[in-house]
Amino acid sequence: MSRRLGSGVLGALVLGAALVAAAQEEPPPASPPPPAQAPAPAQLRPAIPAAVSAESEAKLRAAFDHVYNLEFAPARELFEQVAHAEPSSATVRAFWASALLYEILAYQGSLQTQLFVTSNEFLKHQRLPPDPHLDQRFHAVVREGLELARRRLKADPQDVDGLFAAGLLNGALANYAAGVKAKYLEGLRLGERSYNYHKRLRALHPELHDTGVVLGVHDYILGSLPRVHRVFLFFAGVRGSRPRGLGYFEETAEKGEFLATYARILLAVASIREGQLDRAQGVVETLRVRYPRNPIYALELAKLYRQQQNFSEAARVGRELLADLIAHPHNPRIVGPEDALLELGLIEDAEGQPERALETLAQVEKVPEVNKRIWARAVLERGKIFDHLGQRDLALAEYQKVIELAAYPEVTRLAQAFRKKPYQSSPAAN
């Protein structure tokens, strides 16, 4: 989560956006169903953003467990069941919409490493068109949830379910605008609306720690903007604070009722941006244990070890991930063996084994049904290694292959740049 608005800030904002719905984890609350369906009072939990029956709550927790393990089909089925059982809950729809957006981002490739980068790569990331069915379903659920929230707030402006759901749903739309459509200004506008709803709710119910996600994203992103933008926003009455944003993430990660996992993801991303790799590593390790069927966390853990130059641990995690992906292919294929091979090649190159890295990266092309984007990235890395070794002819051949693959505009742009200037002396080197 990160990026920049002029000097690297919209990145922070966009990443925050891409996260605001990307990882809605835990079970959502909901407003009580109609009297005919209402469970006994003892089954309701009024001290949370929305109260649902014990059966619905269990299904919601199971649904989010599937979402965080990238098991979308069973998650969708459970959300459908809960929405049917809780017809008056706007918050149930808000969590459902967040899960659908998470799935859209996953299929676009925006979750795979994009949530954890600290450069502006996410802003350059080419968006694939979202699946039409998923896209339509997401917007339909958002519309239904917003209408329920509107009705509830019209009847009672302090309605917890209405305020909580309106905040999350506008956050989901902000994430969709920035993360799916690359409409960053629209994402900012919707994000501010999301923040205002949860700011109101926080003032009424400070014990609802789940509001810390939206409040934290708002504060951290605005606090990360360049000074010139912060001064302008200050006079416009909009303020942010990176330390306060981090505090909100920590609070929700520890005390959140439903969004603790989402807060942990945000905390990991923010920690990486702050250069606090040890803390980020601890958070990602916890996520990996909690959601063992999600290969993204193992991939990110290997990267964190590499960034800390702990190459033995990085290689160990990378090899374990590769073996697991070969033995148990992930369906849907959000992460494949090619991702693990690319990371292993980067690890080997970083620890001073360029020849071994070249061999590992060459294996990417041989993966059945290889992701062409990962393939192009592996070829680009081979070209960079050849440049570093002074083997310019071989490097040029690799860069030409990247250009011919035409799999990813930003990788193609880098290959074109490195053809003009060798990688190690190019200002475009990343």
Protein backbone atom coordinates (compact mmCIF):
# COMPACT_ATOMS: atom_id res chain seq x y z
CA MET A 1 0.00 0.00 0.00
CA SER A 2 1.61 3.03 -1.05
CA ARG A 3 2.26 5.53 -3.81
CA ARG A 4 2.23 9.19 -4.55
CA LEU A 5 0.45 12.25 -5.65
CA GLY A 6 3.29 14.14 -7.06
CA SER A 7 6.46 12.89 -5.61
CA GLY A 8 5.66 9.39 -4.66
CA VAL A 9 2.66 10.04 -2.59
CA LEU A 10 -0.22 9.11 -4.70
CA GLY A 11 1.42 5.79 -4.46
CA ALA A 12 0.73 5.72 -0.80
CA LEU A 13 -2.78 6.72 -1.44
CA VAL A 14 -3.39 4.27 -4.17
CA LEU A 15 -1.89 1.42 -2.28
CA GLY A 16 -4.06 2.34 0.62
CA ALA A 17 -6.95 2.29 -1.74
CA ALA A 18 -6.00 -0.96 -3.23
CA LEU A 19 -5.96 -2.31 0.24
CA VAL A 20 -9.03 -0.72 1.64
CA ALA A 21 -11.11 -3.42 0.15
CA ALA A 22 -8.50 -5.83 -0.84
CA ALA A 23 -8.32 -7.52 2.47
CA GLN A 24 -11.54 -7.30 4.34
CA GLU A 25 -11.03 -10.28 6.40
CA GLU A 26 -13.03 -11.14 9.28
CA PRO A 27 -16.67 -11.65 9.71
CA PRO A 28 -18.89 -8.71 9.17
CA PRO A 29 -21.59 -7.60 11.46
CA ALA A 30 -25.05 -6.92 10.24
CA SER A 31 -28.30 -5.30 11.24
CA PRO A 32 -31.08 -7.46 12.66
CA PRO A 33 -33.23 -9.26 10.10
CA PRO A 34 -37.02 -8.80 9.96
CA PRO A 35 -38.96 -9.97 12.99
CA ALA A 36 -40.09 -13.19 11.34
CA GLN A 37 -36.48 -14.23 10.83
CA ALA A 38 -34.93 -12.61 13.86
CA PRO A 39 -33.04 -14.99 16.12
CA ALA A 40 -33.47 -14.89 19.84
CA PRO A 41 -31.88 -11.80 21.41
CA ALA A 42 -29.22 -13.95 23.03
CA GLN A 43 -27.93 -14.85 19.56
CA LEU A 44 -27.23 -11.23 18.62
CA ARG A 45 -24.05 -9.31 19.33
CA PRO A 46 -25.01 -5.64 19.63
CA ALA A 47 -21.54 -4.38 20.56
CA ILE A 48 -20.22 -4.70 17.01
CA PRO A 49 -20.85 -2.66 13.85
CA ALA A 50 -23.83 -4.84 12.95
CA ALA A 51 -25.52 -7.73 14.67
CA VAL A 52 -26.15 -10.99 12.85
CA SER A 53 -27.30 -14.37 14.04
CA ALA A 54 -24.72 -16.76 15.41
CA GLU A 55 -25.17 -18.96 12.33
CA SER A 56 -24.61 -16.04 9.96
CA GLU A 57 -21.57 -14.91 11.90
CA ALA A 58 -20.01 -18.35 11.65
CA LYS A 59 -20.63 -18.41 7.91
CA LEU A 60 -19.13 -14.96 7.49
CA ARG A 61 -15.99 -15.98 9.34
CA ALA A 62 -15.73 -19.07 7.17
CA ALA A 63 -16.29 -16.98 4.04
CA PHE A 64 -13.48 -14.59 4.91
CA ASP A 65 -11.21 -17.49 5.76
CA HIS A 66 -11.79 -18.71 2.20
CA VAL A 67 -11.20 -15.23 0.78
CA TYR A 68 -7.85 -14.87 2.53
CA ASN A 69 -6.85 -18.31 1.30
CA LEU A 70 -7.80 -17.22 -2.26
CA GLU A 71 -10.65 -19.76 -2.37
CA PHE A 72 -13.25 -17.57 -3.97
CA ALA A 73 -15.99 -19.95 -5.11
CA PRO A 74 -16.89 -21.24 -1.62
CA ALA A 75 -16.60 -17.70 -0.25
CA ARG A 76 -19.14 -16.38 -2.77
CA GLU A 77 -21.57 -19.14 -1.90
CA LEU A 78 -21.38 -18.35 1.81
CA PHE A 79 -21.84 -14.62 1.25
CA GLU A 80 -24.94 -15.35 -0.83
CA GLN A 81 -26.37 -17.44 2.00
CA VAL A 82 -25.70 -14.79 4.64
CA ALA A 83 -27.13 -11.98 2.53
CA HIS A 84 -30.32 -14.01 2.08
CA ALA A 85 -30.52 -14.70 5.81
CA GLU A 86 -29.78 -11.06 6.78
CA PRO A 87 -31.86 -8.99 4.31
CA SER A 88 -31.66 -5.73 6.27
CA SER A 89 -27.92 -5.70 6.94
CA ALA A 90 -26.00 -3.12 4.94
CA THR A 91 -22.75 -4.23 6.56
CA VAL A 92 -23.10 -7.77 5.26
CA ARG A 93 -23.24 -6.30 1.75
CA ALA A 94 -20.22 -4.12 2.50
CA PHE A 95 -18.11 -7.11 3.47
CA TRP A 96 -19.38 -9.07 0.48
CA ALA A 97 -18.48 -6.22 -1.88
CA SER A 98 -15.01 -6.01 -0.33
CA ALA A 99 -14.49 -9.74 -0.90
CA LEU A 100 -15.63 -9.44 -4.52
CA LEU A 101 -13.19 -6.59 -5.07
CA TYR A 102 -10.42 -8.67 -3.51
CA GLU A 103 -11.19 -11.36 -6.08
CA ILE A 104 -11.19 -8.86 -8.95
CA LEU A 105 -7.79 -7.50 -7.87
CA ALA A 106 -6.43 -11.02 -7.48
CA TYR A 107 -7.36 -11.99 -11.04
CA GLN A 108 -5.86 -8.76 -12.34
CA GLY A 109 -2.56 -9.58 -10.69
CA SER A 110 -2.74 -6.55 -8.42
CA LEU A 111 -2.45 -8.53 -5.18
CA GLN A 112 0.54 -10.51 -6.28
CA THR A 113 3.39 -8.32 -5.03
CA GLN A 114 1.62 -5.07 -5.89
CA LEU A 115 0.30 -4.54 -2.40
CA PHE A 116 3.76 -4.82 -0.95
CA VAL A 117 5.89 -2.68 -3.26
CA THR A 118 7.29 0.60 -2.03
CA SER A 119 7.98 2.24 -5.38
CA ASN A 120 5.50 3.66 -7.87
CA GLU A 121 5.34 0.37 -9.75
CA PHE A 122 1.72 -0.08 -8.73
CA LEU A 123 0.76 3.14 -10.51
CA LYS A 124 2.38 1.86 -13.71
CA HIS A 125 0.85 -1.60 -13.36
CA GLN A 126 -1.27 -2.32 -16.41
CA ARG A 127 -4.80 -3.20 -15.39
CA LEU A 128 -6.37 -6.16 -17.11
CA PRO A 129 -10.10 -5.77 -17.77
CA PRO A 130 -12.04 -7.20 -14.83
CA ASP A 131 -14.13 -10.31 -15.34
CA PRO A 132 -17.51 -8.95 -16.55
CA HIS A 133 -19.55 -11.20 -14.27
CA LEU A 134 -17.50 -10.34 -11.18
CA ASP A 135 -17.55 -6.68 -12.10
CA GLN A 136 -21.34 -6.62 -12.45
CA ARG A 137 -21.83 -8.55 -9.23
CA PHE A 138 -19.55 -6.20 -7.31
CA HIS A 139 -21.45 -3.11 -8.42
CA ALA A 140 -24.82 -4.75 -7.78
CA VAL A 141 -23.84 -5.63 -4.22
CA VAL A 142 -22.45 -2.12 -3.66
CA ARG A 143 -25.68 -0.54 -4.88
CA GLU A 144 -27.78 -2.79 -2.66
CA GLY A 145 -25.60 -2.07 0.36
CA LEU A 146 -25.59 1.69 -0.18
CA GLU A 147 -29.37 1.74 -0.53
CA LEU A 148 -29.79 -0.21 2.71
CA ALA A 149 -27.34 2.11 4.45
CA ARG A 150 -29.16 5.17 3.09
CA ARG A 151 -32.48 3.92 4.43
CA ARG A 152 -31.05 3.14 7.82
CA LEU A 153 -29.34 6.51 8.13
CA LYS A 154 -32.47 8.31 7.00
CA ALA A 155 -34.38 6.62 9.82
CA ASP A 156 -31.53 7.18 12.30
CA PRO A 157 -28.46 9.30 11.38
CA GLN A 158 -26.52 7.53 14.15
CA ASP A 159 -27.34 4.00 13.01
CA VAL A 160 -24.21 1.90 13.52
CA ASP A 161 -24.88 -0.51 10.66
CA GLY A 162 -25.60 2.33 8.23
CA LEU A 163 -22.50 4.36 9.13
CA PHE A 164 -20.18 1.37 9.18
CA ALA A 165 -21.46 -0.01 5.87
CA ALA A 166 -21.47 3.38 4.12
CA GLY A 167 -17.84 3.86 5.10
CA LEU A 168 -16.74 0.44 3.88
CA LEU A 169 -18.75 0.61 0.66
CA ASN A 170 -17.34 4.00 -0.28
CA GLY A 171 -13.91 2.60 0.57
CA ALA A 172 -14.57 -0.32 -1.79
CA LEU A 173 -15.55 2.09 -4.55
CA ALA A 174 -12.41 4.13 -3.85
CA ASN A 175 -10.30 1.00 -4.16
CA TYR A 176 -12.09 0.01 -7.35
CA ALA A 177 -11.50 3.44 -8.89
CA ALA A 178 -7.80 3.50 -8.01
CA GLY A 179 -6.89 -0.19 -8.08
CA VAL A 180 -8.99 -1.43 -11.00
CA LYS A 181 -9.56 1.62 -13.17
CA ALA A 182 -6.46 3.69 -12.24
CA LYS A 183 -8.70 6.71 -11.56
CA TYR A 184 -6.74 8.06 -8.63
CA LEU A 185 -8.48 11.38 -8.09
CA GLU A 186 -11.85 9.66 -8.02
CA GLY A 187 -10.40 7.20 -5.55
CA LEU A 188 -9.26 10.09 -3.35
CA ARG A 189 -12.69 11.69 -3.41
CA LEU A 190 -14.46 8.46 -2.49
CA GLY A 191 -11.84 7.70 0.13
CA GLU A 192 -12.53 11.02 1.84
CA ARG A 193 -16.23 10.19 1.90
CA SER A 194 -15.45 6.80 3.41
CA TYR A 195 -13.34 8.47 6.09
CA ASN A 196 -16.10 10.92 7.03
CA TYR A 197 -18.58 8.13 7.73
CA HIS A 198 -16.17 6.26 9.97
CA LYS A 199 -15.01 9.42 11.69
CA ARG A 200 -18.65 10.03 12.69
CA LEU A 201 -19.01 6.44 13.85
CA ARG A 202 -15.79 6.61 15.85
CA ALA A 203 -17.02 9.70 17.68
CA LEU A 204 -20.23 7.88 18.62
CA HIS A 205 -18.64 4.51 19.42
CA PRO A 206 -14.90 4.72 20.17
CA GLU A 207 -15.05 1.07 21.27
CA LEU A 208 -15.61 -0.01 17.63
CA HIS A 209 -11.96 -0.56 16.80
CA ASP A 210 -12.69 -1.77 13.26
CA THR A 211 -13.12 1.86 12.24
CA GLY A 212 -9.34 2.15 12.63
CA VAL A 213 -8.83 0.64 9.18
CA VAL A 214 -10.48 3.44 7.21
CA LEU A 215 -9.24 6.11 9.62
CA GLY A 216 -5.72 4.72 9.49
CA VAL A 217 -5.59 4.55 5.69
CA HIS A 218 -6.78 8.15 5.49
CA ASP A 219 -4.26 9.46 8.02
CA TYR A 220 -1.32 7.43 6.75
CA ILE A 221 -1.85 8.32 3.11
CA LEU A 222 -2.38 12.02 3.68
CA GLY A 223 0.53 12.08 6.11
CA SER A 224 2.73 10.55 3.41
CA LEU A 225 2.00 13.25 0.85
CA PRO A 226 4.73 15.76 -0.05
CA ARG A 227 4.84 18.80 2.19
CA VAL A 228 3.47 21.09 -0.51
CA HIS A 229 0.34 18.97 -0.81
CA ARG A 230 -0.06 18.64 2.95
CA VAL A 231 0.04 22.42 3.35
CA PHE A 232 -2.59 22.85 0.67
CA LEU A 233 -4.84 20.22 2.24
CA PHE A 234 -4.31 21.73 5.69
CA PHE A 235 -5.84 24.99 4.55
CA ALA A 236 -8.65 22.99 2.96
CA GLY A 237 -9.37 21.44 6.34
CA VAL A 238 -7.97 17.99 5.43
CA ARG A 239 -5.16 16.64 7.60
CA GLY A 240 -3.29 13.41 8.04
CA SER A 241 -0.55 11.88 10.15
CA ARG A 242 1.59 8.86 9.36
CA PRO A 243 2.24 8.01 13.05
CA ARG A 244 -1.47 8.30 13.82
CA GLY A 245 -2.30 6.13 10.84
CA LEU A 246 0.14 3.46 12.01
CA GLY A 247 -1.42 3.69 15.45
CA TYR A 248 -4.85 2.99 14.01
CA PHE A 249 -3.51 -0.05 12.13
CA GLU A 250 -1.87 -1.41 15.29
CA GLU A 251 -5.03 -0.85 17.33
CA THR A 252 -7.28 -2.64 14.86
CA ALA A 253 -4.79 -5.47 14.35
CA GLU A 254 -4.86 -6.08 18.11
CA LYS A 255 -8.46 -5.26 19.02
CA GLY A 256 -10.47 -5.35 15.79
CA GLU A 257 -13.60 -7.45 15.76
CA PHE A 258 -13.73 -8.21 12.04
CA LEU A 259 -10.95 -6.27 10.32
CA ALA A 260 -7.94 -7.39 12.35
CA THR A 261 -6.40 -9.30 9.45
CA TYR A 262 -6.94 -6.43 7.06
CA ALA A 263 -5.25 -4.13 9.57
CA ARG A 264 -2.30 -6.53 9.77
CA ILE A 265 -1.89 -6.40 6.00
CA LEU A 266 -1.96 -2.61 6.10
CA LEU A 267 0.51 -2.64 8.97
CA ALA A 268 2.87 -4.89 7.00
CA VAL A 269 2.72 -2.67 3.94
CA ALA A 270 3.19 0.52 5.96
CA SER A 271 6.10 -1.07 7.83
CA ILE A 272 7.81 -1.86 4.54
CA ARG A 273 7.32 1.73 3.42
CA GLU A 274 8.79 2.92 6.72
CA GLY A 275 11.80 0.66 6.29
CA GLN A 276 10.80 -1.38 9.34
CA LEU A 277 11.41 -4.73 7.66
CA ASP A 278 11.69 -6.72 10.88
CA ARG A 279 8.18 -5.72 11.92
CA ALA A 280 6.83 -6.34 8.43
CA GLN A 281 8.46 -9.77 8.44
CA GLY A 282 6.81 -10.68 11.72
CA VAL A 283 3.40 -9.62 10.48
CA VAL A 284 3.75 -11.49 7.17
CA GLU A 285 4.95 -14.62 8.98
CA THR A 286 1.80 -14.46 11.12
CA LEU A 287 -0.38 -14.09 8.04
CA ARG A 288 1.36 -17.01 6.36
CA VAL A 289 0.64 -19.27 9.33
CA ARG A 290 -2.94 -18.05 9.63
CA TYR A 291 -3.69 -18.51 5.91
CA PRO A 292 -1.48 -21.40 4.79
CA ARG A 293 -3.30 -21.92 1.49
CA ASN A 294 -2.50 -18.41 0.28
CA PRO A 295 0.89 -18.52 -1.51
CA ILE A 296 1.17 -14.73 -1.69
CA TYR A 297 2.35 -14.51 1.91
CA ALA A 298 5.13 -17.06 1.40
CA LEU A 299 6.24 -15.18 -1.72
CA GLU A 300 6.31 -11.87 0.13
CA LEU A 301 8.14 -13.42 3.07
CA ALA A 302 10.88 -14.67 0.74
CA LYS A 303 11.20 -11.13 -0.66
CA LEU A 304 11.47 -9.63 2.81
CA TYR A 305 14.25 -12.05 3.73
CA ARG A 306 16.03 -11.14 0.48
CA GLN A 307 15.71 -7.43 1.19
CA GLN A 308 17.27 -8.02 4.60
CA GLN A 309 20.06 -10.03 2.93
CA ASN A 310 19.07 -13.15 4.83
CA PHE A 311 19.59 -15.19 1.70
CA SER A 312 19.55 -18.64 3.31
CA GLU A 313 16.07 -18.07 4.77
CA ALA A 314 14.89 -16.39 1.58
CA ALA A 315 15.99 -19.38 -0.48
CA ARG A 316 14.45 -21.82 1.99
CA VAL A 317 11.05 -20.13 1.85
CA GLY A 318 11.29 -19.78 -1.93
CA ARG A 319 12.11 -23.47 -2.43
CA GLU A 320 9.29 -24.51 -0.09
CA LEU A 321 6.90 -22.32 -2.04
CA LEU A 322 8.06 -23.75 -5.37
CA ALA A 323 7.65 -27.33 -4.16
CA ASP A 324 4.20 -26.58 -2.79
CA LEU A 325 3.02 -24.87 -5.97
CA ILE A 326 4.23 -27.80 -8.08
CA ALA A 327 2.68 -30.42 -5.79
CA HIS A 328 -0.54 -28.48 -5.18
CA PRO A 329 -1.25 -26.11 -8.08
CA HIS A 330 -3.24 -23.17 -6.82
CA ASN A 331 -6.67 -22.78 -8.33
CA PRO A 332 -7.35 -20.02 -9.22
CA ARG A 333 -3.80 -19.52 -10.39
CA ILE A 334 -3.01 -16.26 -8.67
CA VAL A 335 0.54 -17.44 -7.96
CA GLY A 336 2.30 -20.18 -9.92
CA PRO A 337 5.68 -21.95 -10.00
CA GLU A 338 7.00 -19.17 -12.25
CA ASP A 339 6.57 -16.65 -9.42
CA ALA A 340 8.67 -18.78 -7.07
CA LEU A 341 11.32 -19.37 -9.75
CA LEU A 342 11.57 -15.64 -10.44
CA GLU A 343 12.05 -14.88 -6.77
CA LEU A 344 14.63 -17.67 -6.36
CA GLY A 345 16.55 -16.25 -9.31
CA LEU A 346 16.54 -12.81 -7.73
CA ILE A 347 17.76 -14.30 -4.44
CA GLU A 348 20.60 -16.18 -6.13
CA ASP A 349 21.68 -13.08 -8.04
CA ALA A 350 21.55 -10.94 -4.87
CA GLU A 351 23.79 -13.35 -2.98
CA GLY A 352 26.42 -13.33 -5.74
CA GLN A 353 25.50 -16.42 -7.78
CA PRO A 354 24.66 -14.89 -11.19
CA GLU A 355 25.28 -18.05 -13.21
CA ARG A 356 22.95 -20.05 -11.00
CA ALA A 357 20.40 -17.24 -11.17
CA LEU A 358 20.51 -17.32 -14.97
CA GLU A 359 19.72 -21.05 -14.92
CA THR A 360 16.86 -20.61 -12.46
CA LEU A 361 15.33 -17.74 -14.41
CA ALA A 362 15.56 -19.77 -17.61
CA GLN A 363 13.26 -22.36 -16.04
CA VAL A 364 10.39 -19.86 -15.92
CA GLU A 365 9.75 -20.21 -19.64
CA LYS A 366 9.32 -23.98 -19.23
CA VAL A 367 6.48 -23.77 -16.72
CA PRO A 368 3.24 -25.12 -18.28
CA GLU A 369 0.76 -22.31 -18.99
CA VAL A 370 3.30 -19.79 -17.75
CA ASN A 371 2.09 -16.32 -16.85
CA LYS A 372 3.56 -14.22 -19.68
CA ARG A 373 4.07 -11.23 -17.41
CA ILE A 374 6.26 -13.25 -15.05
CA TRP A 375 8.03 -14.80 -18.01
CA ALA A 376 8.81 -11.35 -19.43
CA ARG A 377 10.08 -10.19 -16.04
CA ALA A 378 12.36 -13.25 -15.77
CA VAL A 379 13.80 -12.57 -19.23
CA LEU A 380 14.37 -8.93 -18.30
CA GLU A 381 16.24 -10.00 -15.15
CA ARG A 382 18.43 -12.32 -17.24
CA GLY A 383 19.28 -9.38 -19.47
CA LYS A 384 20.23 -7.28 -16.45
CA ILE A 385 22.48 -10.06 -15.14
CA PHE A 386 24.21 -10.41 -18.52
CA ASP A 387 24.74 -6.65 -18.55
CA HIS A 388 26.23 -6.81 -15.08
CA LEU A 389 28.58 -9.59 -16.25
CA GLY A 390 29.66 -7.49 -19.23
CA GLN A 391 28.05 -9.86 -21.74
CA ARG A 392 26.30 -7.15 -23.72
CA ASP A 393 25.33 -9.25 -26.77
CA LEU A 394 23.52 -11.78 -24.59
CA ALA A 395 21.84 -8.98 -22.65
CA LEU A 396 20.59 -7.38 -25.87
CA ALA A 397 19.13 -10.70 -27.01
CA GLU A 398 17.16 -10.99 -23.75
CA TYR A 399 15.86 -7.43 -23.98
CA GLN A 400 14.74 -8.09 -27.54
CA LYS A 401 12.85 -11.15 -26.38
CA VAL A 402 11.04 -9.07 -23.74
CA ILE A 403 10.02 -6.58 -26.41
CA GLU A 404 8.72 -9.35 -28.66
CA LEU A 405 6.75 -10.90 -25.80
CA ALA A 406 4.95 -7.57 -25.31
CA ALA A 407 3.44 -8.98 -22.14
CA TYR A 408 3.64 -6.00 -19.83
CA PRO A 409 4.11 -2.35 -20.93
CA GLU A 410 6.33 -1.32 -18.02
CA VAL A 411 8.66 -4.32 -18.46
CA THR A 412 8.75 -3.63 -22.19
CA ARG A 413 9.65 0.01 -21.49
CA LEU A 414 12.55 -1.06 -19.27
CA ALA A 415 13.81 -3.52 -21.89
CA GLN A 416 13.79 -0.74 -24.47
CA ALA A 417 15.68 1.55 -22.08
CA PHE A 418 18.31 -1.10 -21.32
CA ARG A 419 18.84 -1.72 -25.01
CA LYS A 420 19.93 1.90 -25.32
CA LYS A 421 22.03 1.91 -22.15
CA PRO A 422 23.38 -1.11 -20.26
CA TYR A 423 21.40 -1.86 -17.11
CA GLN A 424 24.04 -0.93 -14.55
CA SER A 425 24.48 2.59 -15.89
CA SER A 426 20.86 3.28 -16.77
CA PRO A 427 18.94 5.77 -14.61
CA ALA A 428 15.83 3.73 -15.35
CA ALA A 429 17.18 0.74 -13.47
CA ASN A 430 14.80 -0.43 -10.78
